[in-house]
N, C-alpha and C. Protein backbone atom coordinates (compact mmCIF):
# COMPACT_ATOMS: atom_id res chain seq x y z
N MET A 1 -50.15 -158.50 70.13
CA MET A 1 -49.78 -159.87 70.44
C MET A 1 -49.92 -160.71 69.17
N SER A 2 -48.88 -161.47 68.86
CA SER A 2 -48.97 -162.33 67.68
C SER A 2 -49.08 -163.79 68.12
N THR A 3 -49.89 -164.51 67.42
CA THR A 3 -50.12 -165.92 67.73
C THR A 3 -48.89 -166.74 67.37
N LEU A 4 -48.46 -167.59 68.29
CA LEU A 4 -47.28 -168.43 68.06
C LEU A 4 -47.61 -169.72 67.32
N TYR A 5 -48.83 -170.23 67.54
CA TYR A 5 -49.23 -171.49 66.92
C TYR A 5 -50.75 -171.59 66.97
N THR A 6 -51.35 -172.17 65.95
CA THR A 6 -52.78 -172.41 65.92
C THR A 6 -53.04 -173.88 65.62
N ALA A 7 -53.72 -174.56 66.52
CA ALA A 7 -54.13 -175.94 66.29
C ALA A 7 -55.52 -175.92 65.68
N ILE A 8 -55.76 -176.81 64.73
CA ILE A 8 -57.06 -176.88 64.07
C ILE A 8 -57.53 -178.32 64.10
N ALA A 9 -58.76 -178.52 64.55
CA ALA A 9 -59.35 -179.86 64.57
C ALA A 9 -60.83 -179.75 64.24
N THR A 10 -61.34 -180.80 63.65
CA THR A 10 -62.75 -180.87 63.28
C THR A 10 -63.35 -182.12 63.90
N ALA A 11 -64.55 -181.97 64.48
CA ALA A 11 -65.23 -183.11 65.10
C ALA A 11 -66.67 -183.16 64.62
N THR A 12 -67.23 -184.37 64.67
CA THR A 12 -68.61 -184.57 64.25
C THR A 12 -69.56 -184.76 65.42
N GLY A 13 -69.06 -184.68 66.64
CA GLY A 13 -69.91 -184.82 67.82
C GLY A 13 -69.35 -185.85 68.78
N ARG A 14 -70.05 -186.04 69.90
CA ARG A 14 -69.59 -186.98 70.92
C ARG A 14 -69.54 -188.41 70.40
N GLU A 15 -70.34 -188.70 69.41
CA GLU A 15 -70.32 -190.03 68.84
C GLU A 15 -69.91 -189.88 67.38
N GLY A 16 -68.64 -189.92 67.15
CA GLY A 16 -68.13 -189.68 65.80
C GLY A 16 -66.62 -189.72 65.77
N ARG A 17 -66.05 -188.66 65.26
CA ARG A 17 -64.62 -188.64 65.04
C ARG A 17 -64.09 -187.22 65.22
N ALA A 18 -62.85 -187.11 65.66
CA ALA A 18 -62.15 -185.83 65.73
C ALA A 18 -60.82 -185.99 64.99
N VAL A 19 -60.54 -185.03 64.12
CA VAL A 19 -59.34 -185.11 63.30
C VAL A 19 -58.67 -183.74 63.27
N SER A 20 -57.35 -183.72 63.46
CA SER A 20 -56.61 -182.47 63.35
C SER A 20 -56.32 -182.19 61.88
N SER A 21 -56.08 -180.92 61.58
CA SER A 21 -55.86 -180.53 60.19
C SER A 21 -54.63 -181.18 59.58
N ASP A 22 -53.64 -181.53 60.42
CA ASP A 22 -52.43 -182.18 59.88
C ASP A 22 -52.54 -183.70 59.89
N GLY A 23 -53.65 -184.25 60.39
CA GLY A 23 -53.87 -185.69 60.40
C GLY A 23 -53.17 -186.44 61.53
N ARG A 24 -52.41 -185.75 62.36
CA ARG A 24 -51.70 -186.43 63.45
C ARG A 24 -52.64 -186.90 64.55
N LEU A 25 -53.75 -186.23 64.70
CA LEU A 25 -54.77 -186.66 65.66
C LEU A 25 -55.97 -187.15 64.86
N ASP A 26 -56.36 -188.37 65.09
CA ASP A 26 -57.53 -188.94 64.42
C ASP A 26 -58.12 -189.95 65.39
N VAL A 27 -59.14 -189.53 66.13
CA VAL A 27 -59.68 -190.39 67.17
C VAL A 27 -61.18 -190.62 67.01
N THR A 28 -61.59 -191.79 67.42
CA THR A 28 -63.01 -192.13 67.47
C THR A 28 -63.56 -191.58 68.78
N LEU A 29 -64.68 -190.91 68.70
CA LEU A 29 -65.32 -190.34 69.87
C LEU A 29 -66.55 -191.16 70.24
N SER A 30 -66.74 -191.32 71.53
CA SER A 30 -67.89 -192.07 72.02
C SER A 30 -68.20 -191.63 73.43
N PRO A 31 -69.48 -191.42 73.75
CA PRO A 31 -69.80 -191.07 75.13
C PRO A 31 -69.38 -192.20 76.07
N PRO A 32 -68.93 -191.84 77.29
CA PRO A 32 -68.57 -192.88 78.25
C PRO A 32 -69.81 -193.63 78.72
N LYS A 33 -69.60 -194.80 79.27
CA LYS A 33 -70.72 -195.60 79.78
C LYS A 33 -71.53 -194.82 80.81
N GLU A 34 -70.83 -193.99 81.62
CA GLU A 34 -71.51 -193.21 82.65
C GLU A 34 -72.54 -192.23 82.07
N LEU A 35 -72.39 -191.90 80.79
CA LEU A 35 -73.33 -190.99 80.12
C LEU A 35 -74.22 -191.73 79.14
N GLY A 36 -74.28 -193.05 79.27
CA GLY A 36 -75.17 -193.84 78.42
C GLY A 36 -74.55 -194.34 77.13
N GLY A 37 -73.28 -194.10 76.92
CA GLY A 37 -72.60 -194.57 75.72
C GLY A 37 -72.01 -195.95 75.92
N VAL A 38 -71.39 -196.45 74.87
CA VAL A 38 -70.74 -197.76 74.96
C VAL A 38 -69.28 -197.64 75.38
N GLY A 39 -68.75 -196.42 75.35
CA GLY A 39 -67.38 -196.20 75.79
C GLY A 39 -66.33 -196.78 74.86
N ALA A 40 -66.67 -196.89 73.58
CA ALA A 40 -65.76 -197.51 72.62
C ALA A 40 -64.63 -196.59 72.17
N GLY A 41 -64.79 -195.30 72.37
CA GLY A 41 -63.76 -194.35 71.96
C GLY A 41 -63.43 -193.41 73.09
N THR A 42 -62.69 -192.38 72.78
CA THR A 42 -62.38 -191.37 73.78
C THR A 42 -63.51 -190.35 73.82
N ASN A 43 -63.42 -189.39 74.69
CA ASN A 43 -64.46 -188.37 74.77
C ASN A 43 -63.81 -187.00 74.99
N PRO A 44 -64.56 -185.93 74.78
CA PRO A 44 -63.98 -184.59 74.91
C PRO A 44 -63.35 -184.31 76.27
N GLU A 45 -63.92 -184.85 77.34
CA GLU A 45 -63.37 -184.61 78.67
C GLU A 45 -62.00 -185.26 78.82
N GLN A 46 -61.82 -186.45 78.26
CA GLN A 46 -60.50 -187.10 78.30
C GLN A 46 -59.49 -186.30 77.50
N LEU A 47 -59.89 -185.81 76.35
CA LEU A 47 -58.98 -185.02 75.52
C LEU A 47 -58.60 -183.72 76.24
N PHE A 48 -59.57 -183.09 76.87
CA PHE A 48 -59.30 -181.86 77.63
C PHE A 48 -58.36 -182.16 78.80
N ALA A 49 -58.60 -183.27 79.50
CA ALA A 49 -57.74 -183.65 80.63
C ALA A 49 -56.31 -183.89 80.16
N ALA A 50 -56.14 -184.60 79.06
CA ALA A 50 -54.79 -184.87 78.54
C ALA A 50 -54.10 -183.57 78.14
N GLY A 51 -54.82 -182.69 77.46
CA GLY A 51 -54.24 -181.42 77.05
C GLY A 51 -53.86 -180.55 78.23
N TYR A 52 -54.76 -180.45 79.20
CA TYR A 52 -54.49 -179.61 80.38
C TYR A 52 -53.30 -180.16 81.16
N ALA A 53 -53.27 -181.48 81.38
CA ALA A 53 -52.16 -182.08 82.12
C ALA A 53 -50.82 -181.83 81.43
N ALA A 54 -50.79 -182.03 80.12
CA ALA A 54 -49.55 -181.83 79.36
C ALA A 54 -49.11 -180.37 79.39
N CYS A 55 -50.07 -179.48 79.20
CA CYS A 55 -49.76 -178.05 79.19
C CYS A 55 -49.27 -177.59 80.56
N PHE A 56 -49.93 -178.01 81.62
CA PHE A 56 -49.55 -177.59 82.97
C PHE A 56 -48.17 -178.14 83.31
N ALA A 57 -47.89 -179.39 82.91
CA ALA A 57 -46.57 -179.98 83.18
C ALA A 57 -45.47 -179.21 82.45
N SER A 58 -45.73 -178.81 81.22
CA SER A 58 -44.74 -178.03 80.47
C SER A 58 -44.55 -176.65 81.09
N ALA A 59 -45.64 -176.02 81.50
CA ALA A 59 -45.55 -174.71 82.15
C ALA A 59 -44.80 -174.84 83.48
N LEU A 60 -45.01 -175.94 84.19
CA LEU A 60 -44.32 -176.19 85.46
C LEU A 60 -42.80 -176.25 85.24
N ALA A 61 -42.38 -176.92 84.18
CA ALA A 61 -40.96 -177.01 83.87
C ALA A 61 -40.39 -175.62 83.56
N LEU A 62 -41.13 -174.81 82.84
CA LEU A 62 -40.70 -173.44 82.52
C LEU A 62 -40.57 -172.60 83.79
N VAL A 63 -41.59 -172.65 84.64
CA VAL A 63 -41.58 -171.86 85.87
C VAL A 63 -40.47 -172.36 86.82
N ALA A 64 -40.27 -173.67 86.89
CA ALA A 64 -39.20 -174.21 87.74
C ALA A 64 -37.84 -173.69 87.27
N LYS A 65 -37.65 -173.65 85.96
CA LYS A 65 -36.39 -173.13 85.42
C LYS A 65 -36.21 -171.65 85.81
N ARG A 66 -37.29 -170.88 85.71
CA ARG A 66 -37.23 -169.46 86.09
C ARG A 66 -36.93 -169.30 87.58
N MET A 67 -37.48 -170.21 88.40
CA MET A 67 -37.27 -170.15 89.85
C MET A 67 -35.95 -170.81 90.27
N LYS A 68 -35.27 -171.39 89.28
CA LYS A 68 -34.00 -172.08 89.52
C LYS A 68 -34.14 -173.25 90.50
N VAL A 69 -35.20 -174.04 90.29
CA VAL A 69 -35.40 -175.28 91.06
C VAL A 69 -35.55 -176.43 90.08
N GLU A 70 -35.12 -177.61 90.49
CA GLU A 70 -35.19 -178.80 89.65
C GLU A 70 -36.53 -179.48 89.89
N ALA A 71 -37.28 -179.69 88.79
CA ALA A 71 -38.60 -180.31 88.91
C ALA A 71 -38.83 -181.37 87.84
N GLU A 72 -37.74 -181.99 87.37
CA GLU A 72 -37.87 -182.96 86.27
C GLU A 72 -38.73 -184.16 86.61
N GLN A 73 -38.81 -184.53 87.87
CA GLN A 73 -39.59 -185.71 88.26
C GLN A 73 -41.06 -185.39 88.53
N ALA A 74 -41.47 -184.16 88.32
CA ALA A 74 -42.86 -183.78 88.56
C ALA A 74 -43.77 -184.36 87.48
N SER A 75 -45.01 -184.62 87.85
CA SER A 75 -46.01 -185.06 86.88
C SER A 75 -47.35 -184.44 87.25
N VAL A 76 -48.23 -184.34 86.26
CA VAL A 76 -49.53 -183.71 86.46
C VAL A 76 -50.62 -184.65 85.96
N THR A 77 -51.62 -184.84 86.79
CA THR A 77 -52.81 -185.60 86.40
C THR A 77 -53.99 -184.65 86.47
N ALA A 78 -54.73 -184.54 85.37
CA ALA A 78 -55.91 -183.69 85.34
C ALA A 78 -57.16 -184.56 85.40
N GLU A 79 -58.04 -184.22 86.30
CA GLU A 79 -59.34 -184.87 86.42
C GLU A 79 -60.38 -183.86 85.95
N VAL A 80 -61.07 -184.17 84.87
CA VAL A 80 -62.06 -183.26 84.32
C VAL A 80 -63.44 -183.87 84.51
N GLY A 81 -64.27 -183.17 85.28
CA GLY A 81 -65.62 -183.63 85.53
C GLY A 81 -66.62 -182.86 84.69
N LEU A 82 -67.66 -183.53 84.28
CA LEU A 82 -68.77 -182.93 83.54
C LEU A 82 -69.97 -182.89 84.48
N ALA A 83 -70.55 -181.72 84.67
CA ALA A 83 -71.65 -181.57 85.62
C ALA A 83 -72.75 -180.70 85.02
N PRO A 84 -73.99 -180.93 85.42
CA PRO A 84 -75.07 -180.04 84.97
C PRO A 84 -74.87 -178.64 85.54
N ASN A 85 -75.23 -177.63 84.76
CA ASN A 85 -75.02 -176.25 85.22
C ASN A 85 -76.27 -175.65 85.86
N GLY A 86 -77.36 -176.41 85.93
CA GLY A 86 -78.59 -175.91 86.54
C GLY A 86 -79.50 -175.17 85.59
N ASP A 87 -79.05 -174.90 84.38
CA ASP A 87 -79.86 -174.21 83.38
C ASP A 87 -80.14 -175.08 82.16
N GLY A 88 -80.00 -176.39 82.31
CA GLY A 88 -80.24 -177.30 81.19
C GLY A 88 -79.00 -177.60 80.38
N GLY A 89 -77.89 -176.97 80.73
CA GLY A 89 -76.62 -177.22 80.03
C GLY A 89 -75.64 -177.92 80.96
N PHE A 90 -74.39 -177.84 80.60
CA PHE A 90 -73.35 -178.54 81.35
C PHE A 90 -72.16 -177.62 81.57
N THR A 91 -71.36 -177.97 82.56
CA THR A 91 -70.13 -177.24 82.85
C THR A 91 -69.04 -178.25 83.18
N LEU A 92 -67.83 -177.79 83.19
CA LEU A 92 -66.70 -178.63 83.55
C LEU A 92 -66.16 -178.21 84.91
N GLU A 93 -65.49 -179.13 85.56
CA GLU A 93 -64.74 -178.84 86.78
C GLU A 93 -63.44 -179.63 86.68
N VAL A 94 -62.37 -179.04 87.20
CA VAL A 94 -61.05 -179.65 87.04
C VAL A 94 -60.33 -179.74 88.39
N ALA A 95 -59.69 -180.86 88.60
CA ALA A 95 -58.73 -181.01 89.69
C ALA A 95 -57.39 -181.34 89.05
N LEU A 96 -56.39 -180.54 89.34
CA LEU A 96 -55.03 -180.80 88.85
C LEU A 96 -54.23 -181.38 90.00
N ARG A 97 -53.81 -182.62 89.86
CA ARG A 97 -53.01 -183.30 90.88
C ARG A 97 -51.55 -183.24 90.44
N VAL A 98 -50.77 -182.44 91.14
CA VAL A 98 -49.37 -182.22 90.79
C VAL A 98 -48.51 -183.02 91.75
N GLU A 99 -47.83 -184.01 91.20
CA GLU A 99 -46.92 -184.83 92.00
C GLU A 99 -45.52 -184.25 91.90
N LEU A 100 -45.01 -183.78 93.02
CA LEU A 100 -43.70 -183.14 93.05
C LEU A 100 -42.68 -184.05 93.73
N PRO A 101 -41.41 -183.92 93.34
CA PRO A 101 -40.37 -184.69 94.04
C PRO A 101 -40.26 -184.23 95.49
N ASP A 102 -39.69 -185.07 96.32
CA ASP A 102 -39.61 -184.81 97.77
C ASP A 102 -39.00 -183.45 98.10
N HIS A 103 -37.96 -183.04 97.36
CA HIS A 103 -37.29 -181.78 97.69
C HIS A 103 -38.16 -180.54 97.40
N LEU A 104 -39.29 -180.74 96.71
CA LEU A 104 -40.18 -179.61 96.42
C LEU A 104 -41.46 -179.65 97.26
N GLN A 105 -41.49 -180.51 98.25
CA GLN A 105 -42.65 -180.51 99.15
C GLN A 105 -42.58 -179.27 100.02
N GLY A 106 -43.70 -178.75 100.44
CA GLY A 106 -43.72 -177.57 101.30
C GLY A 106 -43.92 -176.29 100.52
N GLU A 107 -43.45 -175.20 101.09
CA GLU A 107 -43.72 -173.87 100.55
C GLU A 107 -43.14 -173.65 99.15
N THR A 108 -41.95 -174.17 98.88
CA THR A 108 -41.35 -173.99 97.54
C THR A 108 -42.22 -174.65 96.49
N GLY A 109 -42.70 -175.84 96.76
CA GLY A 109 -43.57 -176.55 95.82
C GLY A 109 -44.89 -175.84 95.61
N ARG A 110 -45.48 -175.37 96.70
CA ARG A 110 -46.75 -174.63 96.62
C ARG A 110 -46.56 -173.37 95.76
N ALA A 111 -45.47 -172.63 95.98
CA ALA A 111 -45.19 -171.42 95.20
C ALA A 111 -44.99 -171.76 93.73
N LEU A 112 -44.31 -172.87 93.46
CA LEU A 112 -44.09 -173.31 92.08
C LEU A 112 -45.41 -173.62 91.39
N VAL A 113 -46.28 -174.37 92.05
CA VAL A 113 -47.56 -174.76 91.44
C VAL A 113 -48.45 -173.54 91.24
N GLU A 114 -48.50 -172.66 92.21
CA GLU A 114 -49.34 -171.47 92.08
C GLU A 114 -48.82 -170.54 90.99
N ALA A 115 -47.51 -170.41 90.86
CA ALA A 115 -46.94 -169.59 89.78
C ALA A 115 -47.23 -170.24 88.42
N THR A 116 -47.17 -171.55 88.37
CA THR A 116 -47.47 -172.26 87.13
C THR A 116 -48.91 -172.02 86.72
N HIS A 117 -49.81 -171.98 87.68
CA HIS A 117 -51.24 -171.76 87.40
C HIS A 117 -51.48 -170.38 86.78
N GLN A 118 -50.56 -169.45 87.00
CA GLN A 118 -50.66 -168.12 86.38
C GLN A 118 -50.06 -168.09 84.98
N VAL A 119 -49.23 -169.07 84.64
CA VAL A 119 -48.53 -169.10 83.35
C VAL A 119 -49.22 -170.02 82.34
N CYS A 120 -49.76 -171.14 82.79
CA CYS A 120 -50.33 -172.15 81.90
C CYS A 120 -51.49 -171.59 81.07
N PRO A 121 -51.46 -171.75 79.75
CA PRO A 121 -52.54 -171.25 78.90
C PRO A 121 -53.92 -171.85 79.24
N TYR A 122 -53.96 -173.12 79.61
CA TYR A 122 -55.25 -173.72 79.99
C TYR A 122 -55.77 -173.07 81.26
N SER A 123 -54.89 -172.85 82.23
CA SER A 123 -55.31 -172.19 83.47
C SER A 123 -55.82 -170.79 83.19
N ASN A 124 -55.12 -170.07 82.33
CA ASN A 124 -55.55 -168.72 81.99
C ASN A 124 -56.89 -168.72 81.24
N ALA A 125 -57.11 -169.73 80.43
CA ALA A 125 -58.38 -169.81 79.68
C ALA A 125 -59.55 -170.19 80.58
N THR A 126 -59.30 -171.01 81.59
CA THR A 126 -60.39 -171.49 82.43
C THR A 126 -60.65 -170.59 83.63
N ARG A 127 -59.68 -169.76 83.99
CA ARG A 127 -59.81 -168.93 85.20
C ARG A 127 -61.08 -168.08 85.14
N GLY A 128 -61.90 -168.19 86.19
CA GLY A 128 -63.13 -167.42 86.26
C GLY A 128 -64.29 -168.07 85.52
N ASN A 129 -64.02 -169.14 84.78
CA ASN A 129 -65.06 -169.81 84.00
C ASN A 129 -65.49 -171.13 84.61
N ILE A 130 -64.53 -171.88 85.12
CA ILE A 130 -64.83 -173.17 85.74
C ILE A 130 -63.95 -173.33 86.97
N PRO A 131 -64.41 -174.12 87.95
CA PRO A 131 -63.55 -174.33 89.11
C PRO A 131 -62.36 -175.21 88.79
N VAL A 132 -61.18 -174.78 89.21
CA VAL A 132 -59.95 -175.56 89.06
C VAL A 132 -59.31 -175.66 90.45
N THR A 133 -59.16 -176.89 90.92
CA THR A 133 -58.56 -177.13 92.21
C THR A 133 -57.15 -177.65 92.02
N LEU A 134 -56.19 -177.07 92.72
CA LEU A 134 -54.81 -177.51 92.68
C LEU A 134 -54.54 -178.40 93.87
N VAL A 135 -54.06 -179.61 93.61
CA VAL A 135 -53.74 -180.57 94.67
C VAL A 135 -52.28 -180.95 94.51
N ILE A 136 -51.48 -180.71 95.54
CA ILE A 136 -50.05 -181.05 95.50
C ILE A 136 -49.86 -182.36 96.24
N GLU A 137 -49.23 -183.31 95.55
CA GLU A 137 -49.00 -184.64 96.14
C GLU A 137 -47.54 -184.93 96.22
């Protein structure tokens, strides 16, 4: 298997900065108020949510094309929660809210979302590691 693309980013921690190697991403990081921070910047969970939502939406378009169904009006919202793991560390949990057009409600939409969950790189990376809930709206 050959790698198609490699993204590179460097960060200094939850309270600092994250920068991609090409300079296109340069964000201030700050813990959210819920974790005792001032919430002045973004945080790793928001970045993960944005990446997962974008990746799943793109995979959905690919799978819809393969299934020969139109899904251009679909959108994906990722909710990424940070929770204690019981051993002094933390874990993530994800809910993917997939909004489908009316003609994809029902079994066709469910099949599309479940097939997408098998194709999406984020889904494949998280499978068996963290809980991911699929919600079709």
